[in-house]
Amino acid sequence: MFKLAAAFSLLATSALATGLEIQIEGEANGTVKIDLFEDVAPKHVEQIAALAAEGKYDGVVFHRVIEDFMAQTGDVQFGRIGGDMSRAGMGGSERADLPAEFSKLPFDRGVVGMARSQNPNSANSQFFIMFKPGHFLNGDYTVVGQVTEGMDVVDAIKRGAGNNGSVLGKPDVMSKVVVTE
């Protein structure tokens, strides 16, 4: 019994959980907290955390928001508020694209996944948060985390129009993104 308790204690003190705290402004106003799964997608979590720590996500809009599906953000190249939003969603970051880190974790409500092109190894900086389960994504997109607080804020994000969910007018924005431990 002692060995098991000691092993659990050691594991609990050595495994630091990385997360994000995102301040959202617009139609949605509030804070969203995300637990990042560094044990499931270490390269993706490392990239997201580095971009957040560098302030790259601050001022980036939710450019693609589809009712009953997901809200997408993270285009640090073309998705900055106040810029030319016509290319929002087409960019990434100056960092290299990432190899897929697919897992068996399902895309349920509140799950955070990495956006990518048709190439499974093309995820870079963009990510999305699920409004509802989307199990058709399972095994084809990288799961990077889970919303732990603020799903009501996510639910209030301004929806886009048309089949691709492009947000027209003034989109909601991640005004500040902070890495948490």
N, C-alpha and C. Protein backbone atom coordinates (compact mmCIF):
# COMPACT_ATOMS: atom_id res chain seq x y z
N MET A 1 0.82 -1.19 0.00
CA MET A 1 0.00 0.00 0.00
C MET A 1 0.86 1.25 0.00
N PHE A 2 1.93 1.25 0.81
CA PHE A 2 2.81 2.41 0.89
C PHE A 2 3.47 2.70 -0.46
N LYS A 3 3.93 1.64 -1.16
CA LYS A 3 4.58 1.82 -2.45
C LYS A 3 3.63 2.47 -3.45
N LEU A 4 2.39 2.04 -3.47
CA LEU A 4 1.40 2.59 -4.39
C LEU A 4 1.15 4.07 -4.07
N ALA A 5 0.99 4.41 -2.80
CA ALA A 5 0.75 5.80 -2.40
C ALA A 5 1.95 6.68 -2.73
N ALA A 6 3.16 6.17 -2.51
CA ALA A 6 4.37 6.93 -2.81
C ALA A 6 4.50 7.15 -4.31
N ALA A 7 4.19 6.12 -5.10
CA ALA A 7 4.27 6.26 -6.56
C ALA A 7 3.26 7.28 -7.06
N PHE A 8 2.04 7.25 -6.52
CA PHE A 8 1.02 8.21 -6.92
C PHE A 8 1.44 9.63 -6.54
N SER A 9 2.00 9.79 -5.35
CA SER A 9 2.45 11.10 -4.89
C SER A 9 3.56 11.65 -5.79
N LEU A 10 4.50 10.79 -6.17
CA LEU A 10 5.59 11.20 -7.05
C LEU A 10 5.05 11.61 -8.42
N LEU A 11 4.13 10.82 -8.95
CA LEU A 11 3.52 11.13 -10.24
C LEU A 11 2.79 12.47 -10.17
N ALA A 12 2.05 12.69 -9.12
CA ALA A 12 1.27 13.92 -8.98
C ALA A 12 2.17 15.15 -8.88
N THR A 13 3.32 15.03 -8.27
CA THR A 13 4.19 16.19 -8.12
C THR A 13 5.08 16.40 -9.33
N SER A 14 5.32 15.37 -10.13
CA SER A 14 6.22 15.53 -11.27
C SER A 14 5.49 15.87 -12.56
N ALA A 15 4.20 15.64 -12.62
CA ALA A 15 3.45 15.90 -13.85
C ALA A 15 2.74 17.24 -13.75
N LEU A 16 3.34 18.25 -14.37
CA LEU A 16 2.71 19.57 -14.38
C LEU A 16 1.77 19.65 -15.57
N ALA A 17 0.55 20.05 -15.31
CA ALA A 17 -0.42 20.17 -16.39
C ALA A 17 -0.32 21.56 -17.01
N THR A 18 -0.20 21.59 -18.34
CA THR A 18 -0.17 22.85 -19.06
C THR A 18 -1.59 23.18 -19.50
N GLY A 19 -1.91 24.45 -19.47
CA GLY A 19 -3.23 24.87 -19.91
C GLY A 19 -3.18 26.26 -20.51
N LEU A 20 -4.33 26.71 -20.96
CA LEU A 20 -4.49 28.06 -21.49
C LEU A 20 -5.64 28.74 -20.77
N GLU A 21 -5.49 30.02 -20.57
CA GLU A 21 -6.58 30.86 -20.09
C GLU A 21 -6.79 31.92 -21.17
N ILE A 22 -7.96 31.89 -21.79
CA ILE A 22 -8.24 32.75 -22.94
C ILE A 22 -9.32 33.76 -22.57
N GLN A 23 -9.00 35.02 -22.71
CA GLN A 23 -9.99 36.09 -22.52
C GLN A 23 -10.61 36.36 -23.88
N ILE A 24 -11.93 36.21 -23.98
CA ILE A 24 -12.65 36.42 -25.23
C ILE A 24 -13.51 37.66 -25.11
N GLU A 25 -13.50 38.48 -26.18
CA GLU A 25 -14.31 39.70 -26.24
C GLU A 25 -15.09 39.74 -27.54
N GLY A 26 -16.28 40.33 -27.48
CA GLY A 26 -17.15 40.45 -28.64
C GLY A 26 -18.56 40.12 -28.20
N GLU A 27 -19.26 39.32 -29.00
CA GLU A 27 -20.58 38.85 -28.57
C GLU A 27 -20.43 37.95 -27.36
N ALA A 28 -19.34 37.23 -27.31
CA ALA A 28 -18.98 36.44 -26.12
C ALA A 28 -17.99 37.26 -25.32
N ASN A 29 -18.19 37.32 -24.03
CA ASN A 29 -17.27 38.04 -23.15
C ASN A 29 -17.01 37.18 -21.93
N GLY A 30 -15.75 36.88 -21.70
CA GLY A 30 -15.42 36.09 -20.52
C GLY A 30 -14.15 35.30 -20.73
N THR A 31 -13.90 34.42 -19.79
CA THR A 31 -12.67 33.63 -19.77
C THR A 31 -12.97 32.16 -20.01
N VAL A 32 -12.14 31.55 -20.84
CA VAL A 32 -12.22 30.12 -21.12
C VAL A 32 -10.91 29.50 -20.65
N LYS A 33 -11.02 28.43 -19.87
CA LYS A 33 -9.84 27.71 -19.41
C LYS A 33 -9.79 26.36 -20.11
N ILE A 34 -8.59 26.03 -20.60
CA ILE A 34 -8.39 24.80 -21.35
C ILE A 34 -7.24 24.01 -20.72
N ASP A 35 -7.47 22.73 -20.50
CA ASP A 35 -6.41 21.82 -20.08
C ASP A 35 -5.82 21.23 -21.35
N LEU A 36 -4.52 21.43 -21.56
CA LEU A 36 -3.84 20.88 -22.74
C LEU A 36 -3.29 19.50 -22.42
N PHE A 37 -3.42 18.58 -23.36
CA PHE A 37 -3.04 17.18 -23.16
C PHE A 37 -1.63 16.92 -23.69
N GLU A 38 -0.62 17.32 -22.92
CA GLU A 38 0.76 17.14 -23.37
C GLU A 38 1.14 15.67 -23.47
N ASP A 39 0.43 14.80 -22.78
CA ASP A 39 0.72 13.36 -22.87
C ASP A 39 0.12 12.74 -24.13
N VAL A 40 -0.88 13.38 -24.72
CA VAL A 40 -1.56 12.87 -25.92
C VAL A 40 -0.96 13.47 -27.20
N ALA A 41 -0.67 14.76 -27.17
CA ALA A 41 -0.17 15.47 -28.36
C ALA A 41 0.96 16.43 -27.95
N PRO A 42 2.10 15.90 -27.52
CA PRO A 42 3.15 16.75 -26.98
C PRO A 42 3.68 17.82 -27.93
N LYS A 43 3.84 17.50 -29.20
CA LYS A 43 4.37 18.49 -30.15
C LYS A 43 3.36 19.62 -30.38
N HIS A 44 2.09 19.27 -30.48
CA HIS A 44 1.05 20.28 -30.69
C HIS A 44 0.91 21.17 -29.46
N VAL A 45 0.91 20.57 -28.28
CA VAL A 45 0.80 21.34 -27.04
C VAL A 45 2.00 22.26 -26.89
N GLU A 46 3.19 21.76 -27.19
CA GLU A 46 4.39 22.60 -27.11
C GLU A 46 4.27 23.81 -28.04
N GLN A 47 3.78 23.59 -29.25
CA GLN A 47 3.65 24.69 -30.22
C GLN A 47 2.60 25.71 -29.76
N ILE A 48 1.44 25.24 -29.33
CA ILE A 48 0.39 26.15 -28.87
C ILE A 48 0.87 26.96 -27.66
N ALA A 49 1.50 26.28 -26.71
CA ALA A 49 1.97 26.96 -25.50
C ALA A 49 3.04 27.99 -25.85
N ALA A 50 3.95 27.66 -26.76
CA ALA A 50 4.99 28.61 -27.16
C ALA A 50 4.38 29.83 -27.84
N LEU A 51 3.44 29.62 -28.74
CA LEU A 51 2.79 30.75 -29.43
C LEU A 51 2.04 31.62 -28.43
N ALA A 52 1.36 30.99 -27.48
CA ALA A 52 0.63 31.76 -26.46
C ALA A 52 1.60 32.55 -25.59
N ALA A 53 2.69 31.92 -25.17
CA ALA A 53 3.69 32.59 -24.31
C ALA A 53 4.32 33.78 -25.02
N GLU A 54 4.45 33.69 -26.34
CA GLU A 54 5.01 34.78 -27.14
C GLU A 54 3.99 35.88 -27.44
N GLY A 55 2.73 35.68 -27.02
CA GLY A 55 1.69 36.67 -27.27
C GLY A 55 1.12 36.62 -28.68
N LYS A 56 1.43 35.57 -29.42
CA LYS A 56 1.00 35.47 -30.83
C LYS A 56 -0.52 35.32 -30.97
N TYR A 57 -1.18 34.74 -29.97
CA TYR A 57 -2.63 34.55 -30.06
C TYR A 57 -3.42 35.78 -29.61
N ASP A 58 -2.77 36.72 -28.95
CA ASP A 58 -3.47 37.92 -28.48
C ASP A 58 -3.96 38.72 -29.68
N GLY A 59 -5.26 39.02 -29.68
CA GLY A 59 -5.84 39.80 -30.78
C GLY A 59 -6.24 38.99 -31.99
N VAL A 60 -6.24 37.65 -31.88
CA VAL A 60 -6.62 36.79 -33.00
C VAL A 60 -8.11 36.44 -32.89
N VAL A 61 -8.80 36.51 -34.02
CA VAL A 61 -10.25 36.34 -34.07
C VAL A 61 -10.68 34.88 -34.23
N PHE A 62 -11.94 34.63 -33.93
CA PHE A 62 -12.61 33.39 -34.29
C PHE A 62 -13.16 33.63 -35.69
N HIS A 63 -12.48 33.10 -36.69
CA HIS A 63 -12.80 33.40 -38.08
C HIS A 63 -13.80 32.42 -38.71
N ARG A 64 -13.94 31.25 -38.13
CA ARG A 64 -14.82 30.21 -38.69
C ARG A 64 -15.61 29.60 -37.54
N VAL A 65 -16.91 29.85 -37.52
CA VAL A 65 -17.74 29.37 -36.41
C VAL A 65 -19.01 28.78 -37.00
N ILE A 66 -19.18 27.49 -36.83
CA ILE A 66 -20.31 26.77 -37.41
C ILE A 66 -21.24 26.28 -36.31
N GLU A 67 -22.50 26.72 -36.38
CA GLU A 67 -23.54 26.33 -35.42
C GLU A 67 -23.57 24.81 -35.27
N ASP A 68 -23.70 24.34 -34.03
CA ASP A 68 -23.79 22.91 -33.71
C ASP A 68 -22.55 22.12 -34.11
N PHE A 69 -21.42 22.80 -34.35
CA PHE A 69 -20.20 22.10 -34.72
C PHE A 69 -19.02 22.63 -33.90
N MET A 70 -18.41 23.76 -34.34
CA MET A 70 -17.21 24.22 -33.65
C MET A 70 -16.93 25.69 -33.93
N ALA A 71 -15.99 26.26 -33.12
CA ALA A 71 -15.49 27.62 -33.28
C ALA A 71 -13.99 27.52 -33.52
N GLN A 72 -13.50 28.09 -34.63
CA GLN A 72 -12.09 27.99 -35.01
C GLN A 72 -11.39 29.33 -34.91
N THR A 73 -10.16 29.30 -34.43
CA THR A 73 -9.34 30.49 -34.23
C THR A 73 -7.87 30.10 -34.40
N GLY A 74 -6.97 31.04 -34.13
CA GLY A 74 -5.55 30.71 -34.07
C GLY A 74 -4.73 31.05 -35.29
N ASP A 75 -5.31 31.74 -36.29
CA ASP A 75 -4.52 32.14 -37.46
C ASP A 75 -3.72 33.38 -37.08
N VAL A 76 -2.51 33.16 -36.57
CA VAL A 76 -1.67 34.26 -36.10
C VAL A 76 -1.08 35.07 -37.24
N GLN A 77 -1.16 34.56 -38.46
CA GLN A 77 -0.63 35.25 -39.63
C GLN A 77 -1.65 36.23 -40.22
N PHE A 78 -2.88 35.76 -40.47
CA PHE A 78 -3.89 36.58 -41.15
C PHE A 78 -5.12 36.88 -40.30
N GLY A 79 -5.20 36.34 -39.10
CA GLY A 79 -6.42 36.45 -38.31
C GLY A 79 -6.40 37.47 -37.20
N ARG A 80 -5.54 38.46 -37.31
CA ARG A 80 -5.43 39.47 -36.25
C ARG A 80 -6.49 40.55 -36.43
N ILE A 81 -7.16 40.91 -35.32
CA ILE A 81 -8.18 41.96 -35.35
C ILE A 81 -7.55 43.26 -35.86
N GLY A 82 -8.28 43.97 -36.68
CA GLY A 82 -7.79 45.23 -37.22
C GLY A 82 -7.04 45.08 -38.53
N GLY A 83 -6.73 43.85 -38.91
CA GLY A 83 -6.03 43.60 -40.17
C GLY A 83 -7.01 43.29 -41.29
N ASP A 84 -6.48 42.91 -42.44
CA ASP A 84 -7.29 42.51 -43.58
C ASP A 84 -7.82 41.10 -43.30
N MET A 85 -9.08 41.02 -42.94
CA MET A 85 -9.66 39.74 -42.52
C MET A 85 -10.03 38.84 -43.70
N SER A 86 -9.83 39.29 -44.93
CA SER A 86 -10.23 38.50 -46.09
C SER A 86 -9.45 37.18 -46.20
N ARG A 87 -8.29 37.10 -45.58
CA ARG A 87 -7.48 35.88 -45.65
C ARG A 87 -7.46 35.12 -44.32
N ALA A 88 -8.24 35.56 -43.35
CA ALA A 88 -8.27 34.88 -42.05
C ALA A 88 -8.62 33.42 -42.25
N GLY A 89 -7.83 32.56 -41.65
CA GLY A 89 -8.03 31.13 -41.76
C GLY A 89 -7.11 30.47 -42.77
N MET A 90 -6.38 31.27 -43.53
CA MET A 90 -5.48 30.73 -44.55
C MET A 90 -4.02 30.66 -44.08
N GLY A 91 -3.76 31.17 -42.89
CA GLY A 91 -2.37 31.24 -42.44
C GLY A 91 -2.08 30.36 -41.25
N GLY A 92 -0.86 30.51 -40.79
CA GLY A 92 -0.40 29.77 -39.62
C GLY A 92 0.56 30.65 -38.85
N SER A 93 1.69 30.09 -38.51
CA SER A 93 2.72 30.85 -37.81
C SER A 93 4.03 30.68 -38.55
N GLU A 94 5.09 31.28 -38.02
CA GLU A 94 6.41 31.12 -38.62
C GLU A 94 7.04 29.78 -38.25
N ARG A 95 6.40 29.06 -37.35
CA ARG A 95 6.90 27.76 -36.94
C ARG A 95 6.54 26.69 -37.98
N ALA A 96 7.25 25.59 -37.95
CA ALA A 96 7.00 24.50 -38.89
C ALA A 96 5.66 23.83 -38.61
N ASP A 97 5.04 23.29 -39.67
CA ASP A 97 3.85 22.46 -39.50
C ASP A 97 4.21 21.23 -38.69
N LEU A 98 3.19 20.63 -38.09
CA LEU A 98 3.41 19.52 -37.17
C LEU A 98 2.96 18.18 -37.74
N PRO A 99 3.67 17.11 -37.41
CA PRO A 99 3.18 15.78 -37.80
C PRO A 99 1.96 15.43 -36.95
N ALA A 100 1.03 14.73 -37.55
CA ALA A 100 -0.20 14.34 -36.85
C ALA A 100 0.12 13.56 -35.58
N GLU A 101 -0.66 13.82 -34.54
CA GLU A 101 -0.57 13.07 -33.29
C GLU A 101 -1.99 12.59 -32.95
N PHE A 102 -2.50 11.71 -33.80
CA PHE A 102 -3.85 11.21 -33.63
C PHE A 102 -3.92 10.31 -32.40
N SER A 103 -5.09 10.28 -31.78
CA SER A 103 -5.30 9.46 -30.59
C SER A 103 -6.69 8.85 -30.65
N LYS A 104 -7.02 8.10 -29.63
CA LYS A 104 -8.35 7.49 -29.55
C LYS A 104 -9.34 8.39 -28.80
N LEU A 105 -8.91 9.57 -28.37
CA LEU A 105 -9.81 10.47 -27.67
C LEU A 105 -10.87 10.99 -28.63
N PRO A 106 -12.15 10.95 -28.21
CA PRO A 106 -13.23 11.39 -29.10
C PRO A 106 -13.41 12.91 -29.11
N PHE A 107 -13.92 13.40 -30.21
CA PHE A 107 -14.26 14.82 -30.33
C PHE A 107 -15.65 15.04 -29.74
N ASP A 108 -15.67 15.26 -28.43
CA ASP A 108 -16.90 15.52 -27.70
C ASP A 108 -17.03 17.02 -27.45
N ARG A 109 -18.13 17.43 -26.87
CA ARG A 109 -18.35 18.83 -26.53
C ARG A 109 -17.20 19.35 -25.66
N GLY A 110 -16.66 20.51 -26.02
CA GLY A 110 -15.59 21.12 -25.26
C GLY A 110 -14.19 20.66 -25.61
N VAL A 111 -14.07 19.66 -26.48
CA VAL A 111 -12.75 19.18 -26.89
C VAL A 111 -12.12 20.21 -27.81
N VAL A 112 -10.81 20.37 -27.66
CA VAL A 112 -10.04 21.29 -28.50
C VAL A 112 -9.21 20.45 -29.47
N GLY A 113 -9.34 20.75 -30.76
CA GLY A 113 -8.59 20.02 -31.79
C GLY A 113 -7.79 20.98 -32.65
N MET A 114 -6.82 20.43 -33.34
CA MET A 114 -5.98 21.23 -34.24
C MET A 114 -6.60 21.25 -35.63
N ALA A 115 -6.70 22.45 -36.19
CA ALA A 115 -7.16 22.59 -37.57
C ALA A 115 -5.98 22.28 -38.50
N ARG A 116 -6.30 21.82 -39.69
CA ARG A 116 -5.27 21.49 -40.67
C ARG A 116 -5.88 21.51 -42.06
N SER A 117 -5.02 21.39 -43.08
CA SER A 117 -5.51 21.26 -44.45
C SER A 117 -5.79 19.79 -44.73
N GLN A 118 -5.92 19.41 -45.98
CA GLN A 118 -6.13 18.00 -46.33
C GLN A 118 -4.95 17.13 -45.88
N ASN A 119 -3.77 17.71 -45.82
CA ASN A 119 -2.58 16.98 -45.38
C ASN A 119 -2.63 16.78 -43.87
N PRO A 120 -2.65 15.54 -43.40
CA PRO A 120 -2.73 15.30 -41.95
C PRO A 120 -1.58 15.90 -41.15
N ASN A 121 -0.45 16.17 -41.82
CA ASN A 121 0.73 16.71 -41.16
C ASN A 121 0.89 18.21 -41.41
N SER A 122 -0.24 18.93 -41.45
CA SER A 122 -0.20 20.36 -41.77
C SER A 122 -0.71 21.27 -40.65
N ALA A 123 -1.00 20.72 -39.48
CA ALA A 123 -1.45 21.58 -38.37
C ALA A 123 -0.31 22.51 -37.98
N ASN A 124 -0.68 23.75 -37.60
CA ASN A 124 0.35 24.72 -37.27
C ASN A 124 -0.05 25.52 -36.04
N SER A 125 -0.94 26.50 -36.19
CA SER A 125 -1.31 27.35 -35.06
C SER A 125 -2.82 27.37 -34.81
N GLN A 126 -3.61 27.02 -35.81
CA GLN A 126 -5.06 27.12 -35.68
C GLN A 126 -5.64 25.93 -34.90
N PHE A 127 -6.65 26.25 -34.09
CA PHE A 127 -7.34 25.22 -33.33
C PHE A 127 -8.82 25.52 -33.28
N PHE A 128 -9.60 24.54 -32.86
CA PHE A 128 -11.05 24.71 -32.77
C PHE A 128 -11.57 24.08 -31.49
N ILE A 129 -12.73 24.59 -31.05
CA ILE A 129 -13.40 24.09 -29.85
C ILE A 129 -14.76 23.57 -30.27
N MET A 130 -15.07 22.36 -29.88
CA MET A 130 -16.33 21.71 -30.27
C MET A 130 -17.51 22.22 -29.44
N PHE A 131 -18.60 22.61 -30.15
CA PHE A 131 -19.87 22.94 -29.49
C PHE A 131 -20.62 21.67 -29.10
N LYS A 132 -20.55 20.67 -29.96
CA LYS A 132 -21.24 19.40 -29.78
C LYS A 132 -20.30 18.29 -30.23
N PRO A 133 -20.61 17.02 -29.91
CA PRO A 133 -19.77 15.93 -30.39
C PRO A 133 -19.68 15.93 -31.92
N GLY A 134 -18.51 15.59 -32.40
CA GLY A 134 -18.25 15.46 -33.84
C GLY A 134 -17.38 14.25 -34.07
N HIS A 135 -17.94 13.08 -33.79
CA HIS A 135 -17.15 11.85 -33.81
C HIS A 135 -16.63 11.48 -35.20
N PHE A 136 -17.15 12.12 -36.26
CA PHE A 136 -16.62 11.88 -37.60
C PHE A 136 -15.19 12.40 -37.73
N LEU A 137 -14.73 13.24 -36.76
CA LEU A 137 -13.35 13.73 -36.74
C LEU A 137 -12.40 12.78 -36.03
N ASN A 138 -12.95 11.84 -35.26
CA ASN A 138 -12.13 10.93 -34.45
C ASN A 138 -11.09 10.21 -35.31
N GLY A 139 -9.84 10.25 -34.84
CA GLY A 139 -8.76 9.55 -35.52
C GLY A 139 -8.23 10.24 -36.76
N ASP A 140 -8.84 11.36 -37.16
CA ASP A 140 -8.40 12.10 -38.35
C ASP A 140 -7.86 13.49 -38.02
N TYR A 141 -8.10 13.95 -36.81
CA TYR A 141 -7.61 15.25 -36.35
C TYR A 141 -6.99 15.07 -34.97
N THR A 142 -6.04 15.92 -34.64
CA THR A 142 -5.34 15.81 -33.36
C THR A 142 -6.11 16.50 -32.25
N VAL A 143 -6.42 15.76 -31.19
CA VAL A 143 -7.02 16.31 -29.97
C VAL A 143 -5.88 16.89 -29.14
N VAL A 144 -6.04 18.16 -28.73
CA VAL A 144 -4.97 18.80 -27.93
C VAL A 144 -5.41 19.21 -26.54
N GLY A 145 -6.73 19.20 -26.27
CA GLY A 145 -7.15 19.62 -24.95
C GLY A 145 -8.65 19.56 -24.75
N GLN A 146 -9.08 20.14 -23.62
CA GLN A 146 -10.48 20.13 -23.21
C GLN A 146 -10.78 21.40 -22.43
N VAL A 147 -11.90 22.04 -22.74
CA VAL A 147 -12.34 23.19 -21.97
C VAL A 147 -12.74 22.70 -20.58
N THR A 148 -12.19 23.34 -19.54
CA THR A 148 -12.52 22.96 -18.17
C THR A 148 -13.40 24.00 -17.49
N GLU A 149 -13.37 25.23 -17.99
CA GLU A 149 -14.24 26.30 -17.49
C GLU A 149 -14.55 27.25 -18.64
N GLY A 150 -15.78 27.77 -18.65
CA GLY A 150 -16.13 28.79 -19.63
C GLY A 150 -16.80 28.29 -20.89
N MET A 151 -17.40 27.10 -20.86
CA MET A 151 -18.12 26.64 -22.06
C MET A 151 -19.29 27.56 -22.38
N ASP A 152 -19.83 28.23 -21.37
CA ASP A 152 -20.90 29.20 -21.64
C ASP A 152 -20.38 30.34 -22.50
N VAL A 153 -19.11 30.72 -22.31
CA VAL A 153 -18.48 31.77 -23.12
C VAL A 153 -18.29 31.25 -24.55
N VAL A 154 -17.80 30.02 -24.68
CA VAL A 154 -17.63 29.41 -26.01
C VAL A 154 -18.97 29.37 -26.73
N ASP A 155 -20.02 28.95 -26.02
CA ASP A 155 -21.35 28.86 -26.63
C ASP A 155 -21.85 30.20 -27.15
N ALA A 156 -21.36 31.30 -26.60
CA ALA A 156 -21.82 32.64 -26.99
C ALA A 156 -21.00 33.26 -28.13
N ILE A 157 -19.97 32.57 -28.62
CA ILE A 157 -19.14 33.12 -29.71
C ILE A 157 -20.00 33.35 -30.94
N LYS A 158 -19.77 34.50 -31.59
CA LYS A 158 -20.54 34.89 -32.78
C LYS A 158 -20.42 33.84 -33.87
N ARG A 159 -21.57 33.41 -34.38
CA ARG A 159 -21.61 32.39 -35.42
C ARG A 159 -21.31 32.98 -36.79
N GLY A 160 -20.78 32.13 -37.66
CA GLY A 160 -20.49 32.52 -39.03
C GLY A 160 -21.67 32.21 -39.94
N ALA A 161 -21.47 32.52 -41.21
CA ALA A 161 -22.52 32.32 -42.21
C ALA A 161 -22.08 31.28 -43.24
N GLY A 162 -23.08 30.70 -43.91
CA GLY A 162 -22.79 29.75 -44.98
C GLY A 162 -22.27 28.43 -44.48
N ASN A 163 -21.98 27.54 -45.43
CA ASN A 163 -21.52 26.20 -45.09
C ASN A 163 -20.16 26.18 -44.41
N ASN A 164 -19.30 27.17 -44.74
CA ASN A 164 -17.96 27.15 -44.14
C ASN A 164 -17.88 27.96 -42.86
N GLY A 165 -18.97 28.65 -42.47
CA GLY A 165 -19.02 29.34 -41.19
C GLY A 165 -18.17 30.59 -41.09
N SER A 166 -17.87 31.23 -42.22
CA SER A 166 -17.08 32.47 -42.19
C SER A 166 -17.81 33.54 -41.41
N VAL A 167 -17.11 34.14 -40.46
CA VAL A 167 -17.72 35.17 -39.62
C VAL A 167 -17.68 36.50 -40.37
N LEU A 168 -18.84 37.10 -40.52
CA LEU A 168 -18.97 38.39 -41.21
C LEU A 168 -19.03 39.52 -40.19
N GLY A 169 -18.65 40.71 -40.61
CA GLY A 169 -18.68 41.85 -39.70
C GLY A 169 -17.57 41.74 -38.68
N LYS A 170 -17.88 42.09 -37.45
CA LYS A 170 -16.88 42.09 -36.38
C LYS A 170 -16.90 40.75 -35.64
N PRO A 171 -15.84 39.95 -35.81
CA PRO A 171 -15.78 38.65 -35.13
C PRO A 171 -15.38 38.79 -33.66
N ASP A 172 -15.65 37.76 -32.89
CA ASP A 172 -15.16 37.70 -31.52
C ASP A 172 -13.65 37.46 -31.57
N VAL A 173 -12.96 37.90 -30.52
CA VAL A 173 -11.50 37.88 -30.54
C VAL A 173 -10.94 37.33 -29.22
N MET A 174 -9.81 36.63 -29.34
CA MET A 174 -9.06 36.24 -28.16
C MET A 174 -8.20 37.45 -27.79
N SER A 175 -8.65 38.25 -26.85
CA SER A 175 -7.91 39.47 -26.53
C SER A 175 -6.62 39.17 -25.79
N LYS A 176 -6.60 38.13 -24.98
CA LYS A 176 -5.39 37.76 -24.23
C LYS A 176 -5.40 36.24 -24.01
N VAL A 177 -4.26 35.60 -24.31
CA VAL A 177 -4.12 34.16 -24.09
C VAL A 177 -2.88 33.94 -23.22
N VAL A 178 -3.07 33.29 -22.08
CA VAL A 178 -2.00 33.08 -21.11
C VAL A 178 -1.81 31.56 -20.91
N VAL A 179 -0.55 31.16 -20.82
CA VAL A 179 -0.23 29.77 -20.51
C VAL A 179 -0.30 29.59 -19.00
N THR A 180 -0.96 28.54 -18.55
CA THR A 180 -1.08 28.25 -17.11
C THR A 180 -0.42 26.90 -16.83
N GLU A 181 -0.12 26.68 -15.57
CA GLU A 181 0.44 25.39 -15.14
C GLU A 181 -0.54 24.73 -14.22
